[in-house]
N, C-alpha and C. Protein backbone atom coordinates (compact mmCIF):
# COMPACT_ATOMS: atom_id res chain seq x y z
N MET A 1 288.29 140.54 91.99
CA MET A 1 289.21 139.64 92.76
C MET A 1 288.72 139.80 94.25
N LYS A 2 288.50 138.49 94.75
CA LYS A 2 288.02 138.48 96.17
C LYS A 2 289.22 138.54 97.03
N GLU A 3 288.80 139.03 98.22
CA GLU A 3 289.87 139.14 99.35
C GLU A 3 289.70 137.81 100.22
N ALA A 4 290.78 137.29 100.55
CA ALA A 4 290.81 136.25 101.64
C ALA A 4 290.44 136.66 103.01
N THR A 5 289.45 135.99 103.60
CA THR A 5 289.09 136.48 104.94
C THR A 5 289.54 135.36 105.87
N ASN A 6 289.83 135.56 107.11
CA ASN A 6 290.07 134.64 108.18
C ASN A 6 289.02 134.50 109.15
N GLN A 7 287.80 134.58 108.67
CA GLN A 7 286.57 134.45 109.52
C GLN A 7 286.25 133.19 109.74
N VAL A 8 286.10 132.78 110.97
CA VAL A 8 285.47 131.50 111.49
C VAL A 8 284.29 131.69 112.35
N SER A 9 283.54 130.75 112.40
CA SER A 9 282.26 130.87 113.40
C SER A 9 282.94 130.77 114.89
N LEU A 10 282.07 131.29 115.72
CA LEU A 10 282.41 131.46 117.14
C LEU A 10 282.53 130.04 117.68
N LYS A 11 281.69 129.18 117.19
CA LYS A 11 281.76 127.73 117.55
C LYS A 11 282.97 127.03 117.23
N GLU A 12 283.48 127.26 115.95
CA GLU A 12 284.63 126.72 115.62
C GLU A 12 285.74 127.29 116.28
N ALA A 13 285.89 128.47 116.60
CA ALA A 13 286.90 129.25 117.36
C ALA A 13 286.97 128.66 118.63
N LEU A 14 285.86 128.49 119.34
CA LEU A 14 285.88 127.90 120.80
C LEU A 14 286.47 126.33 120.70
N LYS A 15 285.90 125.66 119.80
CA LYS A 15 286.23 124.26 119.66
C LYS A 15 287.83 124.17 119.48
N GLU A 16 288.26 124.89 118.61
CA GLU A 16 289.83 124.97 118.50
C GLU A 16 290.55 125.42 119.77
N MET A 17 289.99 126.38 120.36
CA MET A 17 290.70 126.87 121.55
C MET A 17 290.67 125.68 122.65
N LEU A 18 289.51 124.99 122.77
CA LEU A 18 289.45 123.89 123.73
C LEU A 18 290.58 122.77 123.48
N GLU A 19 290.80 122.52 122.24
CA GLU A 19 291.77 121.59 121.66
C GLU A 19 293.17 121.96 121.95
N VAL A 20 293.37 123.36 121.65
CA VAL A 20 294.80 123.91 121.80
C VAL A 20 295.17 123.92 123.16
N TYR A 21 294.35 124.44 123.96
CA TYR A 21 294.66 124.62 125.53
C TYR A 21 294.42 123.34 126.33
N ARG A 22 294.04 122.20 125.73
CA ARG A 22 293.62 120.95 126.29
C ARG A 22 292.58 121.19 127.58
N LEU A 23 291.46 121.90 127.18
CA LEU A 23 290.47 122.03 128.19
C LEU A 23 289.30 121.26 128.04
N LYS A 24 289.31 120.41 126.92
CA LYS A 24 288.09 119.67 126.62
C LYS A 24 287.75 118.68 127.82
N ALA A 25 288.62 117.94 128.35
CA ALA A 25 288.43 116.98 129.42
C ALA A 25 287.78 117.63 130.56
N LYS A 26 288.20 118.87 131.05
CA LYS A 26 287.74 119.53 132.07
C LYS A 26 286.33 120.05 131.72
N LEU A 27 286.17 120.47 130.54
CA LEU A 27 284.79 120.99 130.23
C LEU A 27 283.85 119.82 130.33
N ASN A 28 284.19 118.65 129.85
CA ASN A 28 283.30 117.43 129.82
C ASN A 28 283.04 117.04 131.32
N GLN A 29 284.10 117.12 132.11
CA GLN A 29 283.93 116.77 133.57
C GLN A 29 282.86 117.63 134.24
N THR A 30 282.97 118.92 133.90
CA THR A 30 282.13 119.86 134.51
C THR A 30 280.53 119.54 133.98
N LYS A 31 280.50 119.17 132.63
CA LYS A 31 279.16 118.96 132.12
C LYS A 31 278.54 117.63 132.71
N ILE A 32 279.44 116.67 132.96
CA ILE A 32 278.93 115.38 133.61
C ILE A 32 278.63 115.61 134.96
N ASN A 33 279.21 116.26 135.70
CA ASN A 33 278.87 116.65 137.15
C ASN A 33 277.58 117.41 137.23
N ALA A 34 277.42 118.31 136.21
CA ALA A 34 276.06 119.14 136.21
C ALA A 34 274.91 118.37 135.90
N VAL A 35 275.05 117.25 135.05
CA VAL A 35 273.79 116.69 134.61
C VAL A 35 273.75 115.22 135.12
N TRP A 36 274.56 114.77 135.98
CA TRP A 36 274.62 113.38 136.62
C TRP A 36 273.22 113.11 137.30
N SER A 37 272.80 114.10 138.16
CA SER A 37 271.49 113.87 138.90
C SER A 37 270.34 113.75 137.98
N LYS A 38 270.29 114.52 136.96
CA LYS A 38 269.32 114.51 136.00
C LYS A 38 269.10 113.26 135.24
N LEU A 39 270.46 112.74 134.77
CA LEU A 39 270.36 111.52 133.90
C LEU A 39 270.21 110.28 134.69
N MET A 40 270.81 110.20 135.85
CA MET A 40 270.71 108.98 136.63
C MET A 40 269.68 108.93 137.69
N GLY A 41 269.01 110.13 138.07
CA GLY A 41 267.98 110.06 139.09
C GLY A 41 268.62 110.48 140.54
N SER A 42 267.70 110.93 141.36
CA SER A 42 268.19 111.38 142.58
C SER A 42 268.50 110.35 143.42
N SER A 43 267.92 109.13 143.37
CA SER A 43 268.30 107.99 144.28
C SER A 43 269.67 107.52 144.02
N ILE A 44 270.09 107.43 142.73
CA ILE A 44 271.48 107.12 142.46
C ILE A 44 272.43 108.26 142.82
N ASN A 45 272.09 109.48 142.60
CA ASN A 45 272.88 110.67 142.83
C ASN A 45 273.15 110.73 144.40
N LYS A 46 272.24 110.28 145.25
CA LYS A 46 272.53 110.34 146.63
C LYS A 46 273.46 109.48 147.23
N TYR A 47 273.77 108.42 146.42
CA TYR A 47 274.81 107.35 146.75
C TYR A 47 276.12 107.64 145.98
N THR A 48 276.21 108.52 145.17
CA THR A 48 277.32 108.80 144.27
C THR A 48 278.21 109.69 145.25
N ARG A 49 279.52 109.34 145.33
CA ARG A 49 280.47 110.08 146.22
C ARG A 49 281.30 111.03 145.28
N GLU A 50 281.72 110.46 144.24
CA GLU A 50 282.74 111.02 143.28
C GLU A 50 282.56 110.60 141.92
N ILE A 51 282.75 111.59 140.96
CA ILE A 51 282.80 111.25 139.62
C ILE A 51 284.00 111.91 139.01
N LYS A 52 284.92 111.11 138.38
CA LYS A 52 286.24 111.68 137.70
C LYS A 52 286.30 111.26 136.31
N LEU A 53 286.79 112.02 135.51
CA LEU A 53 287.05 111.83 134.11
C LEU A 53 288.54 111.80 133.82
N ARG A 54 288.96 110.59 133.49
CA ARG A 54 290.51 110.63 133.00
C ARG A 54 290.73 109.76 131.79
N ARG A 55 291.29 110.36 130.78
CA ARG A 55 291.67 109.74 129.50
C ARG A 55 290.47 108.95 129.01
N ASN A 56 289.37 109.52 128.87
CA ASN A 56 288.21 109.00 128.18
C ASN A 56 287.66 107.81 129.04
N LYS A 57 287.92 107.72 130.27
CA LYS A 57 287.33 106.81 131.21
C LYS A 57 286.67 107.48 132.36
N LEU A 58 285.45 107.13 132.56
CA LEU A 58 284.64 107.76 133.69
C LEU A 58 284.71 106.81 134.98
N TYR A 59 285.19 107.46 136.01
CA TYR A 59 285.34 106.65 137.23
C TYR A 59 284.27 107.13 138.14
N ILE A 60 283.39 106.25 138.70
CA ILE A 60 282.35 106.63 139.48
C ILE A 60 282.47 105.94 140.84
N THR A 61 282.40 106.54 141.87
CA THR A 61 282.57 106.04 143.30
C THR A 61 281.15 105.96 143.89
N ILE A 62 280.65 104.81 144.20
CA ILE A 62 279.31 104.71 144.73
C ILE A 62 279.44 104.11 146.06
N GLU A 63 278.72 104.64 147.18
CA GLU A 63 278.78 104.21 148.43
C GLU A 63 278.04 102.86 148.80
N SER A 64 277.00 102.63 148.05
CA SER A 64 276.29 101.42 148.32
C SER A 64 276.69 100.26 147.38
N ALA A 65 277.02 99.09 148.12
CA ALA A 65 277.55 97.89 147.44
C ALA A 65 276.46 97.35 146.45
N SER A 66 275.25 97.24 146.85
CA SER A 66 274.27 96.77 145.92
C SER A 66 273.94 97.67 144.71
N LEU A 67 274.03 99.02 144.98
CA LEU A 67 273.92 99.92 143.84
C LEU A 67 275.05 99.75 142.92
N ARG A 68 276.11 99.65 143.48
CA ARG A 68 277.48 99.49 142.71
C ARG A 68 277.32 98.30 141.82
N GLN A 69 276.86 97.14 142.29
CA GLN A 69 276.68 95.89 141.53
C GLN A 69 275.69 96.14 140.47
N GLU A 70 274.55 96.77 140.72
CA GLU A 70 273.68 96.96 139.75
C GLU A 70 273.93 97.93 138.52
N LEU A 71 274.66 98.87 139.04
CA LEU A 71 275.13 99.78 137.96
C LEU A 71 276.26 99.17 137.19
N SER A 72 276.99 98.24 137.70
CA SER A 72 277.99 97.57 136.88
C SER A 72 277.36 96.79 135.76
N TYR A 73 276.10 96.43 135.84
CA TYR A 73 275.41 95.65 134.77
C TYR A 73 275.07 96.59 133.60
N GLY A 74 274.90 97.93 133.95
CA GLY A 74 274.45 98.88 132.95
C GLY A 74 275.45 99.83 132.52
N LYS A 75 276.74 99.37 132.47
CA LYS A 75 277.87 100.30 132.08
C LYS A 75 277.72 100.87 130.61
N GLU A 76 277.16 100.05 129.75
CA GLU A 76 277.08 100.40 128.34
C GLU A 76 276.04 101.41 128.21
N LYS A 77 275.10 101.20 129.04
CA LYS A 77 273.84 102.22 128.98
C LYS A 77 274.40 103.66 129.54
N ILE A 78 275.20 103.56 130.54
CA ILE A 78 275.63 104.70 131.20
C ILE A 78 276.57 105.51 130.15
N ILE A 79 277.30 104.77 129.33
CA ILE A 79 278.21 105.31 128.40
C ILE A 79 277.44 106.01 127.33
N LYS A 80 276.34 105.33 126.89
CA LYS A 80 275.60 105.82 125.78
C LYS A 80 274.75 107.16 126.23
N ILE A 81 274.33 107.13 127.38
CA ILE A 81 273.54 108.22 127.85
C ILE A 81 274.45 109.53 128.11
N ILE A 82 275.60 109.28 128.68
CA ILE A 82 276.49 110.34 128.84
C ILE A 82 277.13 111.02 127.52
N ASN A 83 277.36 110.05 126.65
CA ASN A 83 278.01 110.45 125.25
C ASN A 83 276.94 111.26 124.50
N GLU A 84 275.58 110.82 124.65
CA GLU A 84 274.57 111.59 124.08
C GLU A 84 274.41 112.94 124.53
N GLU A 85 274.60 113.05 125.96
CA GLU A 85 274.48 114.39 126.54
C GLU A 85 275.67 115.33 126.16
N LEU A 86 276.90 114.61 126.00
CA LEU A 86 278.20 115.35 125.57
C LEU A 86 278.08 115.77 124.13
N GLY A 87 277.30 115.07 123.33
CA GLY A 87 277.16 115.20 121.95
C GLY A 87 278.37 114.69 120.98
N GLU A 88 279.07 113.77 121.65
CA GLU A 88 280.14 113.05 120.98
C GLU A 88 280.48 111.72 121.66
N ASN A 89 281.13 110.81 121.01
CA ASN A 89 281.48 109.59 121.60
C ASN A 89 282.87 109.76 122.42
N TYR A 90 282.67 110.41 123.61
CA TYR A 90 283.93 110.84 124.31
C TYR A 90 284.35 109.68 125.43
N ILE A 91 283.33 109.20 126.07
CA ILE A 91 283.44 108.19 127.06
C ILE A 91 283.59 106.85 126.51
N GLU A 92 284.80 106.17 126.71
CA GLU A 92 284.96 104.81 126.11
C GLU A 92 284.80 103.80 127.18
N GLU A 93 284.89 104.01 128.47
CA GLU A 93 284.69 103.06 129.61
C GLU A 93 284.33 103.61 130.82
N VAL A 94 283.47 102.91 131.49
CA VAL A 94 282.95 103.23 132.82
C VAL A 94 283.52 102.29 133.83
N ILE A 95 284.21 102.82 134.97
CA ILE A 95 284.71 102.00 135.96
C ILE A 95 284.02 102.47 137.21
N ILE A 96 283.28 101.44 137.92
CA ILE A 96 282.47 101.76 139.01
C ILE A 96 283.26 101.29 140.25
N ARG A 97 283.46 102.02 141.24
CA ARG A 97 284.17 101.74 142.41
C ARG A 97 283.28 101.88 143.76
């Protein structure tokens, strides 16, 4: 007769902990802030004032009006790049201010 074990992998345990304590959004916010410069390049990073994540929406504050306009055309690409970096389809919308 086999004994039942309550063993789970560390990855599964951490994932469950993030969901229970609602830390996933904060973890994703930290990841996005850490990789923004690498993903978008130093020139865009230089004009980026703020990046916030709320309810699966990414709010980006850009200081340059022309860059803001240019980035607004590539919102779908930004969503795709960041979701690939996060490893899941977490970002649903990008709002550039």
